Amino acid sequence: MPITRAVPPELRCIESQAAGYGGGGGAMCGCRVPDHLAEIIERELRDNLQESRRRGFVIIPAA
């Protein structure tokens, strides 16, 4: 999910990666992606950057 703030390199999605990896919004499980997903991700990074870096990804609760 591209966002406007600086994101550590280890949490960036690479555009050339295969489908289904990284920033896709078409979840196979049928989860609805919030309209303001970028804002939610930015807030999660702001509040829990170290934990997201440790995991290597950002966890966002399903809508």
Protein backbone atom coordinates (compact mmCIF):
# COMPACT_ATOMS: atom_id res chain seq x y z
CA MET A 1 0.00 0.00 0.00
CA PRO A 2 1.80 3.18 -1.09
CA ILE A 3 1.61 5.90 1.57
CA THR A 4 2.96 9.44 1.72
CA ARG A 5 5.16 9.28 4.81
CA ALA A 6 8.62 7.75 5.00
CA VAL A 7 8.48 3.97 5.44
CA PRO A 8 11.49 1.86 6.48
CA PRO A 9 12.89 -0.09 3.49
CA GLU A 10 12.10 -3.46 5.08
CA LEU A 11 8.37 -2.55 5.17
CA ARG A 12 8.11 -1.31 1.57
CA CYS A 13 6.20 -3.23 -1.08
CA ILE A 14 8.09 -3.75 -4.29
CA GLU A 15 5.95 -3.09 -7.36
CA SER A 16 7.60 -5.91 -9.34
CA GLN A 17 6.62 -8.59 -6.81
CA ALA A 18 4.19 -11.27 -7.88
CA ALA A 19 0.43 -10.73 -7.47
CA GLY A 20 -0.85 -11.58 -4.02
CA TYR A 21 2.26 -10.27 -2.28
CA GLY A 22 2.37 -6.89 -0.62
CA GLY A 23 0.00 -4.09 -1.42
CA GLY A 24 -3.03 -5.69 -3.04
CA GLY A 25 -6.50 -4.75 -1.82
CA GLY A 26 -8.35 -7.71 -3.32
CA ALA A 27 -8.22 -10.04 -0.34
CA MET A 28 -9.20 -13.61 -1.18
CA CYS A 29 -10.89 -13.96 2.21
CA GLY A 30 -13.52 -11.38 1.28
CA CYS A 31 -12.38 -8.81 3.85
CA ARG A 32 -13.47 -5.27 3.05
CA VAL A 33 -10.58 -2.83 2.70
CA PRO A 34 -11.33 0.48 4.47
CA ASP A 35 -11.56 3.58 2.26
CA HIS A 36 -9.00 5.33 4.48
CA LEU A 37 -6.48 2.45 4.55
CA ALA A 38 -3.46 4.71 3.96
CA GLU A 39 -4.39 6.80 7.01
CA ILE A 40 -4.80 3.66 9.14
CA ILE A 41 -1.40 2.37 8.03
CA GLU A 42 0.25 5.73 8.72
CA ARG A 43 -1.26 5.77 12.21
CA GLU A 44 -0.12 2.20 12.89
CA LEU A 45 3.42 3.08 11.78
CA ARG A 46 3.37 6.21 13.93
CA ASP A 47 2.12 4.32 17.00
CA ASN A 48 3.96 0.99 16.59
CA LEU A 49 6.89 1.49 14.23
CA GLN A 50 9.33 -0.68 16.18
CA GLU A 51 6.90 -3.61 16.40
CA SER A 52 6.08 -3.33 12.67
CA ARG A 53 9.80 -3.33 11.87
CA ARG A 54 10.33 -6.36 14.09
CA ARG A 55 7.56 -8.27 12.29
CA GLY A 56 8.50 -6.97 8.84
CA PHE A 57 4.94 -5.92 8.03
CA VAL A 58 2.07 -3.78 9.32
CA ILE A 59 -1.00 -5.44 10.84
CA ILE A 60 -4.33 -3.68 10.24
CA PRO A 61 -7.55 -5.11 11.73
CA ALA A 62 -10.10 -6.17 9.12
CA ALA A 63 -13.01 -3.77 8.65
